[in-house]
C-alpha cells in the first residue's frame, strides 16, 4: 500500500477511535532512537517468499495450529500476530516473524526472539511505556508505525497486528496467504486478551471496531494487490482444502 493511500485510512482511524496522532509519532520517535543503538535489521533481512501462513489470536487459533502441525509445509513462512505467539509456543512452534504492539504475553515474544524469530514492533500512542521497557531486550527487531515513518521505523500499512501482518507479507513478496485464527467476530480468545479468565470471552465495542477495520483492510489487499488470501475460518472441509493450498 502506498503511504498516501494508507494515510487516508489512518485519518479515518484517528477519527473513529479518537487517537492522538502526536502520541503515535512520539512513540515511533522513541522506538526509532532505541533501534538506532541496536544491531539493526530492515525489511530485506526478513524471511521472504511467495507463501505465508498468518496466525491471529481468534477463538479458532488452537484448532488451526493443530491442523498446521499435522500437515505443515516448510515452503510457507509463518507470521504470528502478537498473542498468537503464545499459542504457537504451547505447541512447540516458533514463528519466523512476530508482528506485535506488545499487547500479548511479552515474555513469550522475548523467548521467541531469543530463538531466532524476527520481531516487527509497532509503535502507537498507547504502548510507549512498553516500548521503553521491552524494545531494548528484543533481538532481530525492526519498527513500524501507523503514522509518519522514521529512519528505522517503517510504515507498510496496517492497523491491527493481524492485518498489519498481511501488509508485511505482501511487502515480502507473498502470492499466497493462508489466514488462521482470524475469525473477525464478537468473540475473542485469551491469546488476544491475556487477562481473560476463560478460554474465550465477548469482545468490547472497541475491539469489535478494530476487528471490523482489520477485515476491511484485508479485503482491500485482496482487491488491490496481486495476492490470493484464504481464511481457514470460512472454508468448508478445512483440512482437505488446507492440504491443497499447501501444494
Protein backbone atom coordinates (compact mmCIF):
# COMPACT_ATOMS: atom_id res chain seq x y z
CA UNK A 1 0.00 0.00 0.00
CA UNK A 2 1.33 3.41 -0.92
CA UNK A 3 1.81 5.69 2.05
CA UNK A 4 -0.61 8.32 0.71
CA UNK A 5 -3.34 5.67 0.38
CA UNK A 6 -2.71 4.41 3.89
CA UNK A 7 -2.87 7.94 5.29
CA UNK A 8 -6.49 8.18 4.11
CA UNK A 9 -7.28 5.08 6.17
CA UNK A 10 -5.25 6.43 9.07
CA UNK A 11 -7.24 9.67 9.11
CA UNK A 12 -10.47 7.67 9.47
CA UNK A 13 -8.95 5.54 12.23
CA UNK A 14 -7.88 8.62 14.19
CA UNK A 15 -11.41 9.99 13.93
CA UNK A 16 -13.27 6.76 14.75
CA UNK A 17 -11.11 5.85 17.76
CA UNK A 18 -10.21 9.31 18.99
CA UNK A 19 -6.48 8.56 18.81
CA UNK A 20 -3.88 11.30 19.08
CA UNK A 21 -1.53 11.40 16.09
CA UNK A 22 1.11 13.28 18.09
CA UNK A 23 1.21 10.43 20.62
CA UNK A 24 1.57 7.88 17.81
CA UNK A 25 4.51 9.81 16.40
CA UNK A 26 6.11 10.35 19.81
CA UNK A 27 6.08 6.60 20.42
CA UNK A 28 7.54 5.94 16.96
CA UNK A 29 10.24 8.55 17.55
CA UNK A 30 11.35 6.87 20.78
CA UNK A 31 11.36 3.47 19.09
CA UNK A 32 13.48 4.94 16.32
CA UNK A 33 16.03 6.17 18.88
CA UNK A 34 16.19 2.75 20.54
CA UNK A 35 16.64 0.94 17.23
CA UNK A 36 19.38 3.34 16.17
CA UNK A 37 21.50 2.00 19.04
CA UNK A 38 20.83 -1.69 18.30
CA UNK A 39 22.08 -4.05 15.64
CA UNK A 40 19.55 -3.10 13.01
CA UNK A 41 17.53 -5.22 10.65
CA UNK A 42 15.45 -3.98 7.74
CA UNK A 43 12.73 -5.38 5.53
CA UNK A 44 15.39 -7.06 3.37
CA UNK A 45 16.61 -9.11 6.35
CA UNK A 46 13.23 -10.74 6.99
CA UNK A 47 12.35 -14.16 5.53
CA UNK A 48 10.67 -13.61 2.17
CA UNK A 49 8.85 -15.79 -0.31
CA UNK A 50 5.59 -16.47 -2.09
CA UNK A 51 3.77 -18.50 0.57
CA UNK A 52 2.75 -17.35 4.05
CA UNK A 53 0.63 -18.58 6.94
CA UNK A 54 -0.50 -15.73 9.21
CA UNK A 55 -1.98 -16.54 12.60
CA UNK A 56 -4.29 -14.24 14.51
CA UNK A 57 -5.43 -14.69 18.11
CA UNK A 58 -9.07 -15.55 17.48
CA UNK A 59 -11.07 -18.44 19.05
CA UNK A 60 -10.18 -20.82 16.20
CA UNK A 61 -6.43 -20.38 16.75
CA UNK A 62 -5.60 -23.57 18.66
CA UNK A 63 -7.67 -25.72 16.31
CA UNK A 64 -5.86 -24.24 13.33
CA UNK A 65 -2.42 -24.65 14.92
CA UNK A 66 -3.10 -28.36 15.42
CA UNK A 67 -4.08 -28.57 11.76
CA UNK A 68 -0.89 -26.76 10.75
CA UNK A 69 1.20 -29.14 12.88
CA UNK A 70 -0.44 -32.08 11.18
CA UNK A 71 0.20 -31.07 7.57
CA UNK A 72 2.56 -28.06 7.60
CA UNK A 73 4.81 -27.46 4.60
CA UNK A 74 8.11 -25.69 5.21
CA UNK A 75 7.60 -23.84 1.95
CA UNK A 76 5.43 -21.47 3.99
CA UNK A 77 6.69 -18.64 6.17
CA UNK A 78 4.81 -18.37 9.48
CA UNK A 79 3.90 -14.95 10.85
CA UNK A 80 2.30 -14.67 14.28
CA UNK A 81 0.18 -11.67 15.17
CA UNK A 82 1.13 -10.77 18.74
CA UNK A 83 -0.76 -13.07 21.15
CA UNK A 84 -0.81 -15.94 18.65
CA UNK A 85 2.86 -16.35 19.58
CA UNK A 86 1.87 -17.83 22.95
CA UNK A 87 -0.42 -20.42 21.38
CA UNK A 88 2.34 -21.43 18.95
CA UNK A 89 4.91 -21.78 21.73
CA UNK A 90 2.48 -24.00 23.64
CA UNK A 91 2.64 -26.31 20.61
CA UNK A 92 6.45 -26.04 20.35
CA UNK A 93 6.37 -23.85 17.24
CA UNK A 94 8.50 -20.73 16.89
CA UNK A 95 7.15 -18.44 14.15
CA UNK A 96 9.54 -16.98 11.61
CA UNK A 97 8.18 -13.46 12.23
CA UNK A 98 6.14 -11.87 15.02
CA UNK A 99 4.14 -8.71 14.39
CA UNK A 100 3.40 -7.09 17.73
CA UNK A 101 2.48 -3.95 19.64
CA UNK A 102 3.32 -5.81 22.89
CA UNK A 103 -0.30 -6.42 23.94
CA UNK A 104 0.26 -10.16 24.17
CA UNK A 105 2.44 -12.18 26.54
CA UNK A 106 5.68 -10.24 26.28
CA UNK A 107 7.75 -12.99 27.94
CA UNK A 108 6.74 -15.37 25.15
CA UNK A 109 7.61 -12.79 22.50
CA UNK A 110 11.04 -12.25 24.07
CA UNK A 111 11.52 -16.02 24.30
CA UNK A 112 10.69 -16.44 20.61
CA UNK A 113 13.03 -13.56 19.80
CA UNK A 114 15.87 -15.37 21.55
CA UNK A 115 15.06 -18.44 19.44
CA UNK A 116 15.55 -16.56 16.15
CA UNK A 117 12.08 -15.16 15.47
CA UNK A 118 12.19 -11.77 13.79
CA UNK A 119 10.20 -9.12 15.65
CA UNK A 120 8.30 -6.39 13.82
CA UNK A 121 7.49 -4.00 16.66
CA UNK A 122 4.70 -1.49 16.18
CA UNK A 123 4.72 1.89 17.94
CA UNK A 124 1.50 3.72 18.73
CA UNK A 125 0.27 6.22 21.28
CA UNK A 126 -0.77 3.66 23.89
CA UNK A 127 2.34 1.49 24.13
CA UNK A 128 5.26 3.89 24.65
CA UNK A 129 5.80 2.62 28.21
CA UNK A 130 6.17 -0.97 26.94
CA UNK A 131 8.45 0.07 24.10
CA UNK A 132 10.83 1.81 26.51
CA UNK A 133 11.00 -1.30 28.71
CA UNK A 134 10.97 -4.15 26.20
CA UNK A 135 12.34 -2.92 22.86
CA UNK A 136 15.95 -2.94 24.14
CA UNK A 137 15.51 -6.60 25.18
CA UNK A 138 14.39 -7.87 21.78
CA UNK A 139 16.73 -9.41 19.23
CA UNK A 140 16.38 -9.04 15.45
CA UNK A 141 13.80 -6.29 15.75
CA UNK A 142 12.56 -3.68 13.28
CA UNK A 143 9.97 -0.97 13.87
CA UNK A 144 6.68 0.10 12.31
CA UNK A 145 4.29 2.98 12.81
CA UNK A 146 0.79 3.82 11.60
CA UNK A 147 1.80 7.45 11.13
CA UNK A 148 4.78 9.20 9.51
CA UNK A 149 7.73 6.78 9.22
CA UNK A 150 11.16 7.50 10.65
CA UNK A 151 14.67 6.42 9.72
CA UNK A 152 14.34 2.96 11.31
CA UNK A 153 10.57 2.78 11.77
CA UNK A 154 8.61 1.81 8.65
CA UNK A 155 5.02 2.14 7.52
CA UNK A 156 3.82 -0.61 5.16
CA UNK A 157 0.17 -0.01 6.05
CA UNK A 158 -1.99 -1.77 8.58
CA UNK A 159 -3.78 -1.07 11.83
CA UNK A 160 -4.19 -4.19 13.99
CA UNK A 161 -1.41 -6.76 14.37
CA UNK A 162 -3.35 -9.18 12.15
CA UNK A 163 -3.94 -7.00 9.11
CA UNK A 164 -0.52 -5.37 9.50
CA UNK A 165 1.00 -8.86 9.25
CA UNK A 166 -0.81 -9.30 5.92
CA UNK A 167 0.53 -5.99 4.62
CA UNK A 168 4.00 -7.08 5.71
CA UNK A 169 3.67 -10.41 3.88
CA UNK A 170 2.70 -8.56 0.70
CA UNK A 171 5.76 -6.36 1.13
CA UNK A 172 7.84 -9.55 1.44
CA UNK A 173 6.58 -10.89 -1.89
CA UNK A 174 3.59 -13.01 -0.87
CA UNK A 175 1.46 -14.52 -3.63
CA UNK A 176 -0.50 -16.90 -1.41
CA UNK A 177 -1.53 -16.14 2.17
CA UNK A 178 -3.41 -18.53 4.45
CA UNK A 179 -5.06 -16.89 7.44
CA UNK A 180 -5.51 -18.96 10.59
CA UNK A 181 -7.11 -17.95 13.87
CA UNK A 182 -8.71 -14.92 12.27
CA UNK A 183 -12.44 -15.04 12.99
CA UNK A 184 -13.39 -11.34 12.88
CA UNK A 185 -16.33 -11.96 15.18
CA UNK A 186 -17.54 -10.70 18.54
CA UNK A 187 -15.84 -13.48 20.50
CA UNK A 188 -12.16 -13.21 21.42
CA UNK A 189 -9.70 -15.66 22.95
CA UNK A 190 -7.35 -15.43 25.91
CA UNK A 191 -4.50 -15.11 23.41
CA UNK A 192 -5.97 -11.81 22.27
CA UNK A 193 -6.61 -10.59 25.81
CA UNK A 194 -4.35 -12.32 28.35
CA UNK A 195 -6.40 -11.07 31.31
CA UNK A 196 -9.37 -13.28 30.30
CA UNK A 197 -10.07 -15.94 32.92
CA UNK A 198 -11.82 -18.22 30.43
CA UNK A 199 -10.60 -19.56 27.09
CA UNK A 200 -12.89 -17.13 25.24
CA UNK A 201 -14.99 -14.08 26.03
CA UNK A 202 -17.05 -11.36 24.42
CA UNK A 203 -15.17 -8.52 22.74
CA UNK A 204 -15.85 -4.96 23.87
CA UNK A 205 -17.05 -2.26 21.49
CA UNK A 206 -13.54 -1.00 20.70
CA UNK A 207 -12.23 -4.48 19.96
CA UNK A 208 -15.17 -5.20 17.66
CA UNK A 209 -14.47 -1.99 15.73
CA UNK A 210 -10.79 -2.89 15.47
CA UNK A 211 -11.67 -6.29 14.05
CA UNK A 212 -14.03 -4.67 11.56
CA UNK A 213 -11.17 -2.46 10.37
CA UNK A 214 -8.83 -5.44 10.16
CA UNK A 215 -11.29 -7.34 7.97
CA UNK A 216 -11.87 -4.33 5.71
CA UNK A 217 -8.15 -3.73 5.30
CA UNK A 218 -7.53 -7.36 4.36
CA UNK A 219 -10.37 -7.12 1.86
CA UNK A 220 -8.66 -4.04 0.41
CA UNK A 221 -5.47 -6.06 -0.02
CA UNK A 222 -7.38 -8.82 -1.82
CA UNK A 223 -8.81 -6.31 -4.28
CA UNK A 224 -5.72 -4.18 -4.84
CA UNK A 225 -2.68 -6.46 -4.51
CA UNK A 226 -1.56 -9.46 -6.57
CA UNK A 227 -2.05 -12.00 -3.82
CA UNK A 228 -4.53 -14.80 -3.08
CA UNK A 229 -5.81 -14.87 0.51
CA UNK A 230 -7.59 -17.84 2.08
CA UNK A 231 -9.11 -17.71 5.57
CA UNK A 232 -9.34 -21.15 7.17
CA UNK A 233 -12.16 -19.95 9.42
CA UNK A 234 -14.50 -19.51 6.46
CA UNK A 235 -13.53 -22.61 4.48
CA UNK A 236 -15.59 -25.80 4.43
CA UNK A 237 -13.67 -29.08 4.72
CA UNK A 238 -10.77 -27.18 6.24
CA UNK A 239 -8.23 -30.00 6.34
CA UNK A 240 -8.89 -31.10 2.77
CA UNK A 241 -8.69 -27.55 1.41
CA UNK A 242 -5.66 -26.75 3.56
CA UNK A 243 -3.78 -29.73 2.12
CA UNK A 244 -4.50 -28.46 -1.40
CA UNK A 245 -3.36 -24.95 -0.51
CA UNK A 246 -0.04 -26.25 0.80
CA UNK A 247 0.84 -27.85 -2.55
